[in-house]
């Protein structure tokens, strides 16, 4: 889990540095590991961050795809704060 968290954070840093390909690769590595271990709340977190990265690049369809998948996890686990953030992110896309 620690390695996955590290990749997710590195992806966010690369996004702020406009190193989009590197950020996406890091997010994907994190997402793959979290899916493998079944850590759904962590999956939601990576999807949300990945969506923000796509949104910042103007890749709105990819952003929305990730946001909608994150939203389904929010709804499944009744995460109102996270759901609110996801709705806000969708509205801004």
C-alpha atoms as a PDB file:
ATOM      1  CA  UNK A   1       0.000   0.000   0.000  1.00  0.00           C
ATOM      2  CA  UNK A   2       2.860   2.386   0.795  1.00  0.00           C
ATOM      3  CA  UNK A   3       4.360   2.009  -2.671  1.00  0.00           C
ATOM      4  CA  UNK A   4       0.996   2.683  -4.278  1.00  0.00           C
ATOM      5  CA  UNK A   5       0.541   5.810  -2.150  1.00  0.00           C
ATOM      6  CA  UNK A   6       3.993   7.002  -3.133  1.00  0.00           C
ATOM      7  CA  UNK A   7       3.223   6.585  -6.842  1.00  0.00           C
ATOM      8  CA  UNK A   8      -0.068   8.445  -6.421  1.00  0.00           C
ATOM      9  CA  UNK A   9       1.660  11.370  -4.680  1.00  0.00           C
ATOM     10  CA  UNK A  10       4.435  11.400  -7.275  1.00  0.00           C
ATOM     11  CA  UNK A  11       1.748  11.495  -9.972  1.00  0.00           C
ATOM     12  CA  UNK A  12       0.222  14.573  -8.368  1.00  0.00           C
ATOM     13  CA  UNK A  13       3.645  16.242  -8.224  1.00  0.00           C
ATOM     14  CA  UNK A  14       4.358  15.424 -11.880  1.00  0.00           C
ATOM     15  CA  UNK A  15       0.951  16.876 -12.772  1.00  0.00           C
ATOM     16  CA  UNK A  16       1.840  20.199 -11.125  1.00  0.00           C
ATOM     17  CA  UNK A  17       5.116  20.147 -13.076  1.00  0.00           C
ATOM     18  CA  UNK A  18       3.188  19.588 -16.340  1.00  0.00           C
ATOM     19  CA  UNK A  19       4.954  16.238 -16.834  1.00  0.00           C
ATOM     20  CA  UNK A  20       1.708  14.634 -17.919  1.00  0.00           C
ATOM     21  CA  UNK A  21       2.975  11.369 -19.415  1.00  0.00           C
ATOM     22  CA  UNK A  22       5.034  10.640 -16.323  1.00  0.00           C
ATOM     23  CA  UNK A  23       2.090  11.526 -14.076  1.00  0.00           C
ATOM     24  CA  UNK A  24      -0.270   9.229 -15.958  1.00  0.00           C
ATOM     25  CA  UNK A  25       2.222   6.347 -15.792  1.00  0.00           C
ATOM     26  CA  UNK A  26       2.576   6.801 -12.024  1.00  0.00           C
ATOM     27  CA  UNK A  27      -1.188   6.991 -11.522  1.00  0.00           C
ATOM     28  CA  UNK A  28      -1.618   3.825 -13.586  1.00  0.00           C
ATOM     29  CA  UNK A  29       0.983   1.952 -11.548  1.00  0.00           C
ATOM     30  CA  UNK A  30      -0.743   3.011  -8.343  1.00  0.00           C
ATOM     31  CA  UNK A  31      -4.151   2.121  -9.720  1.00  0.00           C
ATOM     32  CA  UNK A  32      -3.001  -1.306 -10.921  1.00  0.00           C
ATOM     33  CA  UNK A  33      -1.597  -2.190  -7.509  1.00  0.00           C
ATOM     34  CA  UNK A  34      -4.671  -0.935  -5.656  1.00  0.00           C
ATOM     35  CA  UNK A  35      -6.953  -2.906  -7.965  1.00  0.00           C
ATOM     36  CA  UNK A  36      -4.814  -6.007  -7.439  1.00  0.00           C
ATOM     37  CA  UNK A  37      -5.189  -5.819  -3.651  1.00  0.00           C
ATOM     38  CA  UNK A  38      -8.831  -4.690  -3.836  1.00  0.00           C
ATOM     39  CA  UNK A  39      -8.371  -1.392  -1.979  1.00  0.00           C
ATOM     40  CA  UNK A  40     -11.413   0.404  -3.384  1.00  0.00           C
ATOM     41  CA  UNK A  41     -11.157   3.612  -1.367  1.00  0.00           C
ATOM     42  CA  UNK A  42      -7.575   3.936  -2.616  1.00  0.00           C
ATOM     43  CA  UNK A  43      -8.742   3.217  -6.166  1.00  0.00           C
ATOM     44  CA  UNK A  44     -11.242   6.060  -5.834  1.00  0.00           C
ATOM     45  CA  UNK A  45      -8.486   8.396  -4.649  1.00  0.00           C
ATOM     46  CA  UNK A  46      -6.212   7.618  -7.607  1.00  0.00           C
ATOM     47  CA  UNK A  47      -9.097   7.939 -10.067  1.00  0.00           C
ATOM     48  CA  UNK A  48      -9.939  11.346  -8.616  1.00  0.00           C
ATOM     49  CA  UNK A  49      -6.326  12.546  -8.898  1.00  0.00           C
ATOM     50  CA  UNK A  50      -6.004  11.114 -12.399  1.00  0.00           C
ATOM     51  CA  UNK A  51      -9.188  12.948 -13.405  1.00  0.00           C
ATOM     52  CA  UNK A  52      -7.774  16.226 -12.096  1.00  0.00           C
ATOM     53  CA  UNK A  53      -4.646  15.631 -14.166  1.00  0.00           C
ATOM     54  CA  UNK A  54      -6.651  14.944 -17.331  1.00  0.00           C
ATOM     55  CA  UNK A  55      -8.847  17.972 -16.657  1.00  0.00           C
ATOM     56  CA  UNK A  56      -5.788  20.226 -16.349  1.00  0.00           C
ATOM     57  CA  UNK A  57      -4.706  19.036 -19.814  1.00  0.00           C
ATOM     58  CA  UNK A  58      -8.095  19.679 -21.382  1.00  0.00           C
ATOM     59  CA  UNK A  59      -8.717  15.928 -21.803  1.00  0.00           C
ATOM     60  CA  UNK A  60     -12.259  16.233 -20.510  1.00  0.00           C
ATOM     61  CA  UNK A  61     -13.614  12.887 -21.723  1.00  0.00           C
ATOM     62  CA  UNK A  62     -10.824  11.005 -19.953  1.00  0.00           C
ATOM     63  CA  UNK A  63     -11.332  13.155 -16.850  1.00  0.00           C
ATOM     64  CA  UNK A  64     -15.054  12.445 -16.817  1.00  0.00           C
ATOM     65  CA  UNK A  65     -14.513   8.692 -17.254  1.00  0.00           C
ATOM     66  CA  UNK A  66     -12.289   8.621 -14.158  1.00  0.00           C
ATOM     67  CA  UNK A  67     -14.619  10.901 -12.196  1.00  0.00           C
ATOM     68  CA  UNK A  68     -17.633   8.712 -12.912  1.00  0.00           C
ATOM     69  CA  UNK A  69     -15.784   5.581 -11.844  1.00  0.00           C
ATOM     70  CA  UNK A  70     -14.651   7.325  -8.643  1.00  0.00           C
ATOM     71  CA  UNK A  71     -18.230   8.461  -8.034  1.00  0.00           C
ATOM     72  CA  UNK A  72     -19.489   4.871  -8.171  1.00  0.00           C
ATOM     73  CA  UNK A  73     -17.060   3.916  -5.412  1.00  0.00           C
ATOM     74  CA  UNK A  74     -18.089   6.979  -3.380  1.00  0.00           C
ATOM     75  CA  UNK A  75     -21.720   5.924  -3.673  1.00  0.00           C
ATOM     76  CA  UNK A  76     -20.997   2.270  -2.884  1.00  0.00           C
ATOM     77  CA  UNK A  77     -19.287   3.164   0.390  1.00  0.00           C
ATOM     78  CA  UNK A  78     -21.455   6.180   1.262  1.00  0.00           C
ATOM     79  CA  UNK A  79     -18.587   8.673   1.313  1.00  0.00           C
ATOM     80  CA  UNK A  80     -20.405  12.052   1.389  1.00  0.00           C
ATOM     81  CA  UNK A  81     -17.334  14.304   1.574  1.00  0.00           C
ATOM     82  CA  UNK A  82     -15.546  12.463  -1.202  1.00  0.00           C
ATOM     83  CA  UNK A  83     -18.758  12.362  -3.246  1.00  0.00           C
ATOM     84  CA  UNK A  84     -19.138  16.119  -2.857  1.00  0.00           C
ATOM     85  CA  UNK A  85     -15.580  16.628  -4.104  1.00  0.00           C
ATOM     86  CA  UNK A  86     -16.226  14.293  -7.042  1.00  0.00           C
ATOM     87  CA  UNK A  87     -19.455  16.124  -7.973  1.00  0.00           C
ATOM     88  CA  UNK A  88     -17.569  19.426  -7.825  1.00  0.00           C
ATOM     89  CA  UNK A  89     -14.817  18.027 -10.034  1.00  0.00           C
ATOM     90  CA  UNK A  90     -17.408  16.752 -12.548  1.00  0.00           C
ATOM     91  CA  UNK A  91     -19.073  20.171 -12.592  1.00  0.00           C
ATOM     92  CA  UNK A  92     -15.734  21.825 -13.339  1.00  0.00           C
ATOM     93  CA  UNK A  93     -14.964  19.483 -16.233  1.00  0.00           C
END
